[in-house]
Amino acid sequence: MTVSLPLVFVLGVITWAAIKFLGIRLWVAVVIALFGFWLSQTFLAGPIESGSRSGVDVINGTND
């Protein structure tokens, strides 16, 4: 059985858990999210996307 979850949902759950259980302040999570949006407009966006896709492929066990 295959379960498909969007990465943004998984990251949202991790963020909620960090705020709830690790005591991370909400403003820190917001700043990190904003940093991600700003980073997506730089030349680093391509390598970050490629690396995250490769990591997901490794976890899923797909070897195309």
PDB file of N, CA and C in Angstrom:
ATOM      1  N   MET A   1       0.846  -1.181   0.000  1.00  0.00           N
ATOM      2  CA  MET A   1       0.000   0.000   0.000  1.00  0.00           C
ATOM      3  C   MET A   1       0.889   1.241   0.000  1.00  0.00           C
ATOM      4  N   THR A   2       0.614   2.148  -0.887  1.00  0.00           N
ATOM      5  CA  THR A   2       1.388   3.375  -1.003  1.00  0.00           C
ATOM      6  C   THR A   2       0.594   4.530  -0.407  1.00  0.00           C
ATOM      7  N   VAL A   3       1.260   5.290   0.441  1.00  0.00           N
ATOM      8  CA  VAL A   3       0.651   6.485   1.021  1.00  0.00           C
ATOM      9  C   VAL A   3       1.428   7.678   0.501  1.00  0.00           C
ATOM     10  N   SER A   4       0.733   8.640  -0.060  1.00  0.00           N
ATOM     11  CA  SER A   4       1.384   9.818  -0.617  1.00  0.00           C
ATOM     12  C   SER A   4       1.022  11.043   0.222  1.00  0.00           C
ATOM     13  N   LEU A   5       2.046  11.690   0.767  1.00  0.00           N
ATOM     14  CA  LEU A   5       1.846  12.906   1.553  1.00  0.00           C
ATOM     15  C   LEU A   5       2.671  14.030   0.944  1.00  0.00           C
ATOM     16  N   PRO A   6       2.102  15.202   0.817  1.00  0.00           N
ATOM     17  CA  PRO A   6       2.891  16.330   0.348  1.00  0.00           C
ATOM     18  C   PRO A   6       3.987  16.665   1.365  1.00  0.00           C
ATOM     19  N   LEU A   7       5.148  17.050   0.867  1.00  0.00           N
ATOM     20  CA  LEU A   7       6.270  17.387   1.738  1.00  0.00           C
ATOM     21  C   LEU A   7       5.928  18.556   2.645  1.00  0.00           C
ATOM     22  N   VAL A   8       5.141  19.509   2.154  1.00  0.00           N
ATOM     23  CA  VAL A   8       4.780  20.665   2.974  1.00  0.00           C
ATOM     24  C   VAL A   8       3.925  20.229   4.169  1.00  0.00           C
ATOM     25  N   PHE A   9       3.108  19.195   4.010  1.00  0.00           N
ATOM     26  CA  PHE A   9       2.321  18.675   5.131  1.00  0.00           C
ATOM     27  C   PHE A   9       3.226  18.042   6.183  1.00  0.00           C
ATOM     28  N   VAL A  10       4.191  17.252   5.725  1.00  0.00           N
ATOM     29  CA  VAL A  10       5.129  16.614   6.646  1.00  0.00           C
ATOM     30  C   VAL A  10       5.933  17.674   7.404  1.00  0.00           C
ATOM     31  N   LEU A  11       6.423  18.684   6.696  1.00  0.00           N
ATOM     32  CA  LEU A  11       7.169  19.750   7.350  1.00  0.00           C
ATOM     33  C   LEU A  11       6.290  20.535   8.317  1.00  0.00           C
ATOM     34  N   GLY A  12       5.028  20.709   7.968  1.00  0.00           N
ATOM     35  CA  GLY A  12       4.098  21.385   8.873  1.00  0.00           C
ATOM     36  C   GLY A  12       3.891  20.614  10.164  1.00  0.00           C
ATOM     37  N   VAL A  13       3.777  19.299  10.058  1.00  0.00           N
ATOM     38  CA  VAL A  13       3.625  18.462  11.248  1.00  0.00           C
ATOM     39  C   VAL A  13       4.887  18.527  12.111  1.00  0.00           C
ATOM     40  N   ILE A  14       6.050  18.493  11.475  1.00  0.00           N
ATOM     41  CA  ILE A  14       7.308  18.605  12.213  1.00  0.00           C
ATOM     42  C   ILE A  14       7.395  19.957  12.911  1.00  0.00           C
ATOM     43  N   THR A  15       6.992  21.009  12.233  1.00  0.00           N
ATOM     44  CA  THR A  15       7.004  22.344  12.831  1.00  0.00           C
ATOM     45  C   THR A  15       6.049  22.427  14.016  1.00  0.00           C
ATOM     46  N   TRP A  16       4.846  21.889  13.851  1.00  0.00           N
ATOM     47  CA  TRP A  16       3.885  21.889  14.960  1.00  0.00           C
ATOM     48  C   TRP A  16       4.450  21.133  16.161  1.00  0.00           C
ATOM     49  N   ALA A  17       5.060  19.977  15.895  1.00  0.00           N
ATOM     50  CA  ALA A  17       5.622  19.181  16.990  1.00  0.00           C
ATOM     51  C   ALA A  17       6.772  19.919  17.673  1.00  0.00           C
ATOM     52  N   ALA A  18       7.590  20.631  16.896  1.00  0.00           N
ATOM     53  CA  ALA A  18       8.696  21.392  17.486  1.00  0.00           C
ATOM     54  C   ALA A  18       8.169  22.518  18.368  1.00  0.00           C
ATOM     55  N   ILE A  19       7.119  23.172  17.926  1.00  0.00           N
ATOM     56  CA  ILE A  19       6.533  24.248  18.731  1.00  0.00           C
ATOM     57  C   ILE A  19       5.887  23.670  19.985  1.00  0.00           C
ATOM     58  N   LYS A  20       5.164  22.577  19.822  1.00  0.00           N
ATOM     59  CA  LYS A  20       4.410  21.991  20.939  1.00  0.00           C
ATOM     60  C   LYS A  20       5.316  21.308  21.969  1.00  0.00           C
ATOM     61  N   PHE A  21       6.248  20.488  21.514  1.00  0.00           N
ATOM     62  CA  PHE A  21       6.993  19.633  22.426  1.00  0.00           C
ATOM     63  C   PHE A  21       8.412  20.107  22.720  1.00  0.00           C
ATOM     64  N   LEU A  22       9.039  20.832  21.801  1.00  0.00           N
ATOM     65  CA  LEU A  22      10.408  21.293  22.020  1.00  0.00           C
ATOM     66  C   LEU A  22      10.471  22.724  22.538  1.00  0.00           C
ATOM     67  N   GLY A  23       9.341  23.395  22.549  1.00  0.00           N
ATOM     68  CA  GLY A  23       9.313  24.756  23.066  1.00  0.00           C
ATOM     69  C   GLY A  23       9.846  25.805  22.109  1.00  0.00           C
ATOM     70  N   ILE A  24       9.907  25.469  20.807  1.00  0.00           N
ATOM     71  CA  ILE A  24      10.327  26.445  19.813  1.00  0.00           C
ATOM     72  C   ILE A  24       9.257  27.532  19.750  1.00  0.00           C
ATOM     73  N   ARG A  25       9.684  28.764  19.764  1.00  0.00           N
ATOM     74  CA  ARG A  25       8.708  29.866  19.719  1.00  0.00           C
ATOM     75  C   ARG A  25       8.146  30.011  18.304  1.00  0.00           C
ATOM     76  N   LEU A  26       6.905  30.455  18.230  1.00  0.00           N
ATOM     77  CA  LEU A  26       6.223  30.599  16.948  1.00  0.00           C
ATOM     78  C   LEU A  26       6.959  31.562  16.030  1.00  0.00           C
ATOM     79  N   TRP A  27       7.483  32.660  16.569  1.00  0.00           N
ATOM     80  CA  TRP A  27       8.157  33.639  15.715  1.00  0.00           C
ATOM     81  C   TRP A  27       9.411  33.042  15.082  1.00  0.00           C
ATOM     82  N   VAL A  28      10.064  32.092  15.753  1.00  0.00           N
ATOM     83  CA  VAL A  28      11.239  31.436  15.171  1.00  0.00           C
ATOM     84  C   VAL A  28      10.821  30.589  13.973  1.00  0.00           C
ATOM     85  N   ALA A  29       9.709  29.870  14.099  1.00  0.00           N
ATOM     86  CA  ALA A  29       9.200  29.068  12.988  1.00  0.00           C
ATOM     87  C   ALA A  29       8.814  29.958  11.809  1.00  0.00           C
ATOM     88  N   VAL A  30       8.227  31.110  12.085  1.00  0.00           N
ATOM     89  CA  VAL A  30       7.854  32.039  11.022  1.00  0.00           C
ATOM     90  C   VAL A  30       9.092  32.584  10.319  1.00  0.00           C
ATOM     91  N   VAL A  31      10.117  32.937  11.076  1.00  0.00           N
ATOM     92  CA  VAL A  31      11.358  33.444  10.480  1.00  0.00           C
ATOM     93  C   VAL A  31      12.009  32.375   9.605  1.00  0.00           C
ATOM     94  N   ILE A  32      12.008  31.129  10.065  1.00  0.00           N
ATOM     95  CA  ILE A  32      12.578  30.045   9.261  1.00  0.00           C
ATOM     96  C   ILE A  32      11.789  29.856   7.972  1.00  0.00           C
ATOM     97  N   ALA A  33      10.462  29.935   8.052  1.00  0.00           N
ATOM     98  CA  ALA A  33       9.638  29.813   6.845  1.00  0.00           C
ATOM     99  C   ALA A  33       9.910  30.959   5.874  1.00  0.00           C
ATOM    100  N   LEU A  34      10.010  32.177   6.393  1.00  0.00           N
ATOM    101  CA  LEU A  34      10.325  33.325   5.528  1.00  0.00           C
ATOM    102  C   LEU A  34      11.695  33.169   4.884  1.00  0.00           C
ATOM    103  N   PHE A  35      12.651  32.662   5.645  1.00  0.00           N
ATOM    104  CA  PHE A  35      13.980  32.427   5.085  1.00  0.00           C
ATOM    105  C   PHE A  35      13.899  31.453   3.912  1.00  0.00           C
ATOM    106  N   GLY A  36      13.054  30.436   4.041  1.00  0.00           N
ATOM    107  CA  GLY A  36      12.869  29.494   2.937  1.00  0.00           C
ATOM    108  C   GLY A  36      12.300  30.159   1.695  1.00  0.00           C
ATOM    109  N   PHE A  37      11.336  31.065   1.880  1.00  0.00           N
ATOM    110  CA  PHE A  37      10.783  31.782   0.734  1.00  0.00           C
ATOM    111  C   PHE A  37      11.838  32.675   0.086  1.00  0.00           C
ATOM    112  N   TRP A  38      12.624  33.375   0.894  1.00  0.00           N
ATOM    113  CA  TRP A  38      13.668  34.236   0.342  1.00  0.00           C
ATOM    114  C   TRP A  38      14.741  33.408  -0.354  1.00  0.00           C
ATOM    115  N   LEU A  39      15.073  32.256   0.210  1.00  0.00           N
ATOM    116  CA  LEU A  39      16.090  31.393  -0.368  1.00  0.00           C
ATOM    117  C   LEU A  39      15.642  30.829  -1.710  1.00  0.00           C
ATOM    118  N   SER A  40      14.335  30.654  -1.883  1.00  0.00           N
ATOM    119  CA  SER A  40      13.826  30.094  -3.137  1.00  0.00           C
ATOM    120  C   SER A  40      14.037  31.037  -4.315  1.00  0.00           C
ATOM    121  N   GLN A  41      14.326  32.293  -4.050  1.00  0.00           N
ATOM    122  CA  GLN A  41      14.554  33.263  -5.116  1.00  0.00           C
ATOM    123  C   GLN A  41      16.038  33.410  -5.473  1.00  0.00           C
ATOM    124  N   THR A  42      16.905  32.599  -4.878  1.00  0.00           N
ATOM    125  CA  THR A  42      18.335  32.700  -5.130  1.00  0.00           C
ATOM    126  C   THR A  42      18.799  31.567  -6.031  1.00  0.00           C
ATOM    127  N   PHE A  43      20.078  31.585  -6.362  1.00  0.00           N
ATOM    128  CA  PHE A  43      20.661  30.547  -7.202  1.00  0.00           C
ATOM    129  C   PHE A  43      20.744  29.199  -6.473  1.00  0.00           C
ATOM    130  N   LEU A  44      20.546  29.188  -5.177  1.00  0.00           N
ATOM    131  CA  LEU A  44      20.602  27.947  -4.405  1.00  0.00           C
ATOM    132  C   LEU A  44      19.319  27.124  -4.488  1.00  0.00           C
ATOM    133  N   ALA A  45      18.260  27.689  -5.045  1.00  0.00           N
ATOM    134  CA  ALA A  45      16.970  26.994  -5.093  1.00  0.00           C
ATOM    135  C   ALA A  45      17.057  25.695  -5.893  1.00  0.00           C
ATOM    136  N   GLY A  46      17.732  25.715  -7.025  1.00  0.00           N
ATOM    137  CA  GLY A  46      17.854  24.509  -7.857  1.00  0.00           C
ATOM    138  C   GLY A  46      18.569  23.367  -7.155  1.00  0.00           C
ATOM    139  N   PRO A  47      19.771  23.622  -6.613  1.00  0.00           N
ATOM    140  CA  PRO A  47      20.452  22.532  -5.899  1.00  0.00           C
ATOM    141  C   PRO A  47      19.689  22.032  -4.672  1.00  0.00           C
ATOM    142  N   ILE A  48      18.992  22.917  -3.963  1.00  0.00           N
ATOM    143  CA  ILE A  48      18.215  22.487  -2.801  1.00  0.00           C
ATOM    144  C   ILE A  48      17.070  21.572  -3.245  1.00  0.00           C
ATOM    145  N   GLU A  49      16.375  21.948  -4.310  1.00  0.00           N
ATOM    146  CA  GLU A  49      15.283  21.113  -4.810  1.00  0.00           C
ATOM    147  C   GLU A  49      15.806  19.769  -5.299  1.00  0.00           C
ATOM    148  N   SER A  50      16.903  19.788  -6.029  1.00  0.00           N
ATOM    149  CA  SER A  50      17.491  18.549  -6.525  1.00  0.00           C
ATOM    150  C   SER A  50      17.924  17.646  -5.374  1.00  0.00           C
ATOM    151  N   GLY A  51      18.540  18.236  -4.367  1.00  0.00           N
ATOM    152  CA  GLY A  51      18.979  17.451  -3.217  1.00  0.00           C
ATOM    153  C   GLY A  51      17.824  16.870  -2.433  1.00  0.00           C
ATOM    154  N   SER A  52      16.753  17.649  -2.272  1.00  0.00           N
ATOM    155  CA  SER A  52      15.599  17.130  -1.533  1.00  0.00           C
ATOM    156  C   SER A  52      14.909  16.023  -2.318  1.00  0.00           C
ATOM    157  N   ARG A  53      14.848  16.159  -3.646  1.00  0.00           N
ATOM    158  CA  ARG A  53      14.253  15.092  -4.459  1.00  0.00           C
ATOM    159  C   ARG A  53      15.100  13.817  -4.375  1.00  0.00           C
ATOM    160  N   SER A  54      16.412  13.976  -4.399  1.00  0.00           N
ATOM    161  CA  SER A  54      17.297  12.816  -4.283  1.00  0.00           C
ATOM    162  C   SER A  54      17.128  12.147  -2.923  1.00  0.00           C
ATOM    163  N   GLY A  55      17.001  12.956  -1.875  1.00  0.00           N
ATOM    164  CA  GLY A  55      16.795  12.392  -0.547  1.00  0.00           C
ATOM    165  C   GLY A  55      15.496  11.631  -0.421  1.00  0.00           C
ATOM    166  N   VAL A  56      14.438  12.162  -1.024  1.00  0.00           N
ATOM    167  CA  VAL A  56      13.151  11.482  -1.003  1.00  0.00           C
ATOM    168  C   VAL A  56      13.245  10.180  -1.806  1.00  0.00           C
ATOM    169  N   ASP A  57      13.946  10.213  -2.930  1.00  0.00           N
ATOM    170  CA  ASP A  57      14.121   8.984  -3.727  1.00  0.00           C
ATOM    171  C   ASP A  57      14.886   7.927  -2.942  1.00  0.00           C
ATOM    172  N   VAL A  58      15.898   8.339  -2.197  1.00  0.00           N
ATOM    173  CA  VAL A  58      16.663   7.395  -1.386  1.00  0.00           C
ATOM    174  C   VAL A  58      15.767   6.772  -0.316  1.00  0.00           C
ATOM    175  N   ILE A  59      14.966   7.608   0.347  1.00  0.00           N
ATOM    176  CA  ILE A  59      14.072   7.093   1.381  1.00  0.00           C
ATOM    177  C   ILE A  59      13.023   6.171   0.801  1.00  0.00           C
ATOM    178  N   ASN A  60      12.493   6.529  -0.367  1.00  0.00           N
ATOM    179  CA  ASN A  60      11.458   5.705  -1.003  1.00  0.00           C
ATOM    180  C   ASN A  60      12.022   4.475  -1.688  1.00  0.00           C
ATOM    181  N   GLY A  61      13.324   4.467  -1.931  1.00  0.00           N
ATOM    182  CA  GLY A  61      13.936   3.312  -2.572  1.00  0.00           C
ATOM    183  C   GLY A  61      13.773   3.278  -4.066  1.00  0.00           C
ATOM    184  N   THR A  62      13.525   4.423  -4.698  1.00  0.00           N
ATOM    185  CA  THR A  62      13.406   4.453  -6.159  1.00  0.00           C
ATOM    186  C   THR A  62      14.763   4.776  -6.759  1.00  0.00           C
ATOM    187  N   ASN A  63      15.138   3.973  -7.729  1.00  0.00           N
ATOM    188  CA  ASN A  63      16.437   4.153  -8.385  1.00  0.00           C
ATOM    189  C   ASN A  63      16.233   4.263  -9.883  1.00  0.00           C
ATOM    190  N   ASP A  64      15.826   5.420 -10.341  1.00  0.00           N
ATOM    191  CA  ASP A  64      15.583   5.624 -11.775  1.00  0.00           C
ATOM    192  C   ASP A  64      16.875   5.918 -12.495  1.00  0.00           C
TER     193      ASP A  64
END
